[in-house]
N, C-alpha and C. Protein backbone atom coordinates (compact mmCIF):
# COMPACT_ATOMS: atom_id res chain seq x y z
N MET A 1 -116.38 -115.92 -162.01
CA MET A 1 -116.99 -115.33 -160.82
C MET A 1 -116.51 -116.14 -159.61
N ASN A 2 -116.18 -115.45 -158.55
CA ASN A 2 -115.67 -116.13 -157.36
C ASN A 2 -116.81 -116.67 -156.51
N GLU A 3 -116.42 -117.38 -155.44
CA GLU A 3 -117.42 -118.03 -154.60
C GLU A 3 -118.30 -117.04 -153.85
N LEU A 4 -117.74 -115.90 -153.47
CA LEU A 4 -118.53 -114.89 -152.76
C LEU A 4 -119.63 -114.34 -153.67
N GLY A 5 -119.30 -114.10 -154.91
CA GLY A 5 -120.30 -113.61 -155.85
C GLY A 5 -121.42 -114.61 -156.09
N LEU A 6 -121.04 -115.89 -156.23
CA LEU A 6 -122.06 -116.92 -156.41
C LEU A 6 -122.93 -117.07 -155.16
N THR A 7 -122.31 -116.94 -154.00
CA THR A 7 -123.09 -117.02 -152.76
C THR A 7 -124.11 -115.90 -152.68
N LEU A 8 -123.71 -114.70 -153.05
CA LEU A 8 -124.64 -113.57 -153.05
C LEU A 8 -125.77 -113.77 -154.07
N ILE A 9 -125.42 -114.34 -155.22
CA ILE A 9 -126.45 -114.62 -156.22
C ILE A 9 -127.43 -115.67 -155.69
N PHE A 10 -126.91 -116.73 -155.05
CA PHE A 10 -127.78 -117.76 -154.48
C PHE A 10 -128.69 -117.18 -153.41
N LEU A 11 -128.16 -116.32 -152.57
CA LEU A 11 -129.00 -115.69 -151.54
C LEU A 11 -130.08 -114.81 -152.16
N ALA A 12 -129.71 -114.07 -153.21
CA ALA A 12 -130.69 -113.22 -153.88
C ALA A 12 -131.80 -114.06 -154.52
N VAL A 13 -131.41 -115.17 -155.16
CA VAL A 13 -132.41 -116.06 -155.76
C VAL A 13 -133.29 -116.67 -154.69
N LEU A 14 -132.69 -117.06 -153.56
CA LEU A 14 -133.47 -117.65 -152.47
C LEU A 14 -134.49 -116.66 -151.94
N PHE A 15 -134.07 -115.42 -151.69
CA PHE A 15 -135.01 -114.41 -151.20
C PHE A 15 -136.05 -114.06 -152.25
N LEU A 16 -135.68 -114.09 -153.52
CA LEU A 16 -136.65 -113.84 -154.59
C LEU A 16 -137.71 -114.94 -154.61
N LEU A 17 -137.27 -116.19 -154.50
CA LEU A 17 -138.23 -117.30 -154.48
C LEU A 17 -139.14 -117.22 -153.26
N LEU A 18 -138.57 -116.90 -152.11
CA LEU A 18 -139.38 -116.78 -150.90
C LEU A 18 -140.34 -115.59 -151.00
N GLY A 19 -139.89 -114.51 -151.62
CA GLY A 19 -140.74 -113.33 -151.77
C GLY A 19 -141.89 -113.55 -152.73
N THR A 20 -141.73 -114.45 -153.68
CA THR A 20 -142.82 -114.72 -154.61
C THR A 20 -143.85 -115.70 -154.05
N GLY A 21 -143.59 -116.22 -152.86
CA GLY A 21 -144.57 -117.07 -152.21
C GLY A 21 -144.35 -118.56 -152.38
N ILE A 22 -143.21 -118.93 -152.93
CA ILE A 22 -142.90 -120.36 -153.05
C ILE A 22 -142.57 -120.89 -151.66
N TRP A 23 -142.97 -122.13 -151.39
CA TRP A 23 -142.75 -122.72 -150.07
C TRP A 23 -141.27 -122.69 -149.71
N VAL A 24 -141.00 -122.57 -148.43
CA VAL A 24 -139.63 -122.47 -147.93
C VAL A 24 -138.83 -123.72 -148.31
N ALA A 25 -139.40 -124.89 -148.10
CA ALA A 25 -138.68 -126.14 -148.38
C ALA A 25 -138.35 -126.26 -149.87
N VAL A 26 -139.28 -125.90 -150.72
CA VAL A 26 -139.05 -125.99 -152.16
C VAL A 26 -137.98 -125.00 -152.59
N SER A 27 -138.00 -123.81 -152.03
CA SER A 27 -136.98 -122.81 -152.36
C SER A 27 -135.60 -123.26 -151.93
N LEU A 28 -135.49 -123.76 -150.69
CA LEU A 28 -134.20 -124.21 -150.19
C LEU A 28 -133.67 -125.40 -150.98
N ILE A 29 -134.54 -126.35 -151.29
CA ILE A 29 -134.10 -127.52 -152.05
C ILE A 29 -133.67 -127.12 -153.46
N GLY A 30 -134.40 -126.22 -154.08
CA GLY A 30 -134.04 -125.78 -155.43
C GLY A 30 -132.70 -125.09 -155.48
N VAL A 31 -132.47 -124.16 -154.57
CA VAL A 31 -131.19 -123.44 -154.54
C VAL A 31 -130.06 -124.40 -154.17
N ALA A 32 -130.31 -125.31 -153.24
CA ALA A 32 -129.28 -126.26 -152.84
C ALA A 32 -128.91 -127.20 -153.99
N MET A 33 -129.91 -127.64 -154.75
CA MET A 33 -129.62 -128.54 -155.87
C MET A 33 -128.79 -127.85 -156.95
N VAL A 34 -129.12 -126.60 -157.24
CA VAL A 34 -128.34 -125.86 -158.24
C VAL A 34 -126.92 -125.65 -157.74
N GLY A 35 -126.77 -125.31 -156.47
CA GLY A 35 -125.43 -125.14 -155.90
C GLY A 35 -124.62 -126.41 -155.92
N MET A 36 -125.26 -127.54 -155.63
CA MET A 36 -124.54 -128.81 -155.67
C MET A 36 -124.15 -129.19 -157.09
N MET A 37 -125.00 -128.87 -158.06
CA MET A 37 -124.66 -129.18 -159.44
C MET A 37 -123.46 -128.36 -159.91
N LEU A 38 -123.35 -127.12 -159.41
CA LEU A 38 -122.25 -126.26 -159.84
C LEU A 38 -120.94 -126.55 -159.11
N PHE A 39 -121.00 -126.93 -157.84
CA PHE A 39 -119.79 -127.00 -157.03
C PHE A 39 -119.26 -128.40 -156.78
N THR A 40 -120.04 -129.44 -157.00
CA THR A 40 -119.56 -130.79 -156.71
C THR A 40 -119.75 -131.69 -157.92
N SER A 41 -119.02 -132.80 -157.90
CA SER A 41 -119.18 -133.79 -158.97
C SER A 41 -120.05 -134.95 -158.52
N ARG A 42 -120.46 -134.95 -157.25
CA ARG A 42 -121.31 -136.02 -156.71
C ARG A 42 -122.73 -135.87 -157.27
N PRO A 43 -123.39 -136.98 -157.56
CA PRO A 43 -124.78 -136.88 -158.04
C PRO A 43 -125.69 -136.23 -157.00
N VAL A 44 -126.49 -135.30 -157.44
CA VAL A 44 -127.32 -134.51 -156.52
C VAL A 44 -128.36 -135.39 -155.82
N GLY A 45 -128.99 -136.27 -156.56
CA GLY A 45 -130.02 -137.13 -155.97
C GLY A 45 -129.46 -138.03 -154.89
N ASP A 46 -128.28 -138.56 -155.11
CA ASP A 46 -127.65 -139.43 -154.12
C ASP A 46 -127.32 -138.66 -152.85
N ALA A 47 -126.76 -137.48 -153.00
CA ALA A 47 -126.40 -136.67 -151.83
C ALA A 47 -127.63 -136.21 -151.06
N MET A 48 -128.67 -135.80 -151.77
CA MET A 48 -129.89 -135.35 -151.10
C MET A 48 -130.57 -136.50 -150.37
N ALA A 49 -130.64 -137.67 -151.01
CA ALA A 49 -131.28 -138.82 -150.37
C ALA A 49 -130.54 -139.24 -149.12
N THR A 50 -129.21 -139.25 -149.18
CA THR A 50 -128.42 -139.63 -148.01
C THR A 50 -128.60 -138.63 -146.88
N THR A 51 -128.59 -137.35 -147.20
CA THR A 51 -128.74 -136.32 -146.18
C THR A 51 -130.13 -136.34 -145.56
N ILE A 52 -131.16 -136.45 -146.38
CA ILE A 52 -132.53 -136.46 -145.87
C ILE A 52 -132.78 -137.70 -145.02
N TRP A 53 -132.31 -138.86 -145.49
CA TRP A 53 -132.51 -140.09 -144.71
C TRP A 53 -131.75 -140.03 -143.39
N GLY A 54 -130.54 -139.50 -143.42
CA GLY A 54 -129.75 -139.39 -142.19
C GLY A 54 -130.41 -138.49 -141.16
N ALA A 55 -131.04 -137.43 -141.61
CA ALA A 55 -131.71 -136.52 -140.68
C ALA A 55 -133.04 -137.07 -140.20
N ALA A 56 -133.76 -137.77 -141.07
CA ALA A 56 -135.09 -138.26 -140.70
C ALA A 56 -135.06 -139.54 -139.88
N SER A 57 -133.99 -140.31 -139.97
CA SER A 57 -133.95 -141.59 -139.26
C SER A 57 -133.31 -141.46 -137.88
N SER A 58 -133.16 -140.26 -137.40
CA SER A 58 -132.55 -140.04 -136.09
C SER A 58 -133.52 -140.40 -134.97
N TRP A 59 -133.01 -141.08 -133.94
CA TRP A 59 -133.87 -141.47 -132.82
C TRP A 59 -134.27 -140.28 -131.97
N THR A 60 -133.55 -139.18 -132.06
CA THR A 60 -133.93 -138.01 -131.27
C THR A 60 -135.24 -137.40 -131.74
N LEU A 61 -135.63 -137.67 -132.97
CA LEU A 61 -136.90 -137.14 -133.48
C LEU A 61 -138.11 -137.89 -132.94
N THR A 62 -137.91 -139.05 -132.33
CA THR A 62 -139.04 -139.80 -131.79
C THR A 62 -139.53 -139.21 -130.48
N ALA A 63 -138.75 -138.37 -129.83
CA ALA A 63 -139.16 -137.83 -128.53
C ALA A 63 -140.37 -136.92 -128.66
N LEU A 64 -140.44 -136.10 -129.68
CA LEU A 64 -141.54 -135.16 -129.81
C LEU A 64 -142.90 -135.84 -130.01
N PRO A 65 -143.06 -136.77 -130.95
CA PRO A 65 -144.37 -137.43 -131.07
C PRO A 65 -144.75 -138.22 -129.83
N LEU A 66 -143.78 -138.84 -129.18
CA LEU A 66 -144.10 -139.59 -127.96
C LEU A 66 -144.52 -138.66 -126.84
N PHE A 67 -143.92 -137.47 -126.76
CA PHE A 67 -144.30 -136.49 -125.75
C PHE A 67 -145.73 -136.00 -126.00
N ILE A 68 -146.06 -135.74 -127.25
CA ILE A 68 -147.42 -135.30 -127.59
C ILE A 68 -148.42 -136.42 -127.30
N TRP A 69 -148.07 -137.65 -127.62
CA TRP A 69 -148.94 -138.80 -127.36
C TRP A 69 -149.16 -138.97 -125.86
N MET A 70 -148.11 -138.80 -125.06
CA MET A 70 -148.25 -138.89 -123.61
C MET A 70 -149.20 -137.82 -123.09
N GLY A 71 -149.09 -136.60 -123.61
CA GLY A 71 -150.01 -135.55 -123.21
C GLY A 71 -151.45 -135.85 -123.58
N GLU A 72 -151.66 -136.42 -124.76
CA GLU A 72 -153.02 -136.80 -125.17
C GLU A 72 -153.59 -137.89 -124.26
N ILE A 73 -152.77 -138.85 -123.90
CA ILE A 73 -153.24 -139.92 -123.00
C ILE A 73 -153.62 -139.33 -121.65
N LEU A 74 -152.78 -138.46 -121.12
CA LEU A 74 -153.09 -137.84 -119.82
C LEU A 74 -154.34 -136.98 -119.90
N PHE A 75 -154.54 -136.28 -121.02
CA PHE A 75 -155.70 -135.42 -121.18
C PHE A 75 -156.98 -136.24 -121.33
N ARG A 76 -156.95 -137.26 -122.17
CA ARG A 76 -158.16 -138.05 -122.45
C ARG A 76 -158.60 -138.89 -121.25
N THR A 77 -157.66 -139.39 -120.47
CA THR A 77 -158.03 -140.23 -119.33
C THR A 77 -158.27 -139.42 -118.07
N ARG A 78 -158.07 -138.12 -118.12
CA ARG A 78 -158.21 -137.23 -116.97
C ARG A 78 -157.34 -137.66 -115.80
N LEU A 79 -156.27 -138.36 -116.10
CA LEU A 79 -155.35 -138.81 -115.07
C LEU A 79 -154.62 -137.64 -114.43
N SER A 80 -154.27 -136.64 -115.23
CA SER A 80 -153.56 -135.49 -114.67
C SER A 80 -154.47 -134.69 -113.73
N GLU A 81 -155.76 -134.57 -114.06
CA GLU A 81 -156.68 -133.88 -113.15
C GLU A 81 -156.80 -134.61 -111.83
N ASP A 82 -156.90 -135.93 -111.89
CA ASP A 82 -157.00 -136.71 -110.66
C ASP A 82 -155.73 -136.59 -109.82
N LEU A 83 -154.58 -136.55 -110.47
CA LEU A 83 -153.33 -136.39 -109.73
C LEU A 83 -153.26 -135.02 -109.07
N PHE A 84 -153.66 -133.97 -109.77
CA PHE A 84 -153.64 -132.64 -109.17
C PHE A 84 -154.65 -132.52 -108.04
N LYS A 85 -155.81 -133.14 -108.20
CA LYS A 85 -156.80 -133.12 -107.11
C LYS A 85 -156.28 -133.86 -105.88
N GLY A 86 -155.52 -134.90 -106.09
CA GLY A 86 -154.96 -135.65 -104.98
C GLY A 86 -153.84 -134.91 -104.27
N LEU A 87 -153.17 -134.01 -104.98
CA LEU A 87 -152.06 -133.27 -104.38
C LEU A 87 -152.51 -132.00 -103.66
N THR A 88 -153.63 -131.44 -104.06
CA THR A 88 -154.09 -130.20 -103.43
C THR A 88 -154.90 -130.51 -102.18
N PRO A 89 -154.79 -129.66 -101.17
CA PRO A 89 -155.53 -129.91 -99.92
C PRO A 89 -157.01 -129.63 -100.04
């Protein structure tokens, strides 16, 4: 079977798993692991760990929690309300 046929089978299995109510992350990881076992000689656990760690250890991901924390600080201290009251006539 060629690569196009296997890709279509993987997509069908992915949509079947998603349609049965399995979580998106579990479905994607399962299909990806089977695909890696069939197409590469690299150990699946090693490749997954490297990819997940590389994506999770990015400094760009720290911006979102810090932005939410800044909003909570402004909300709890009512600093933003005081600033808006000071700017309005």
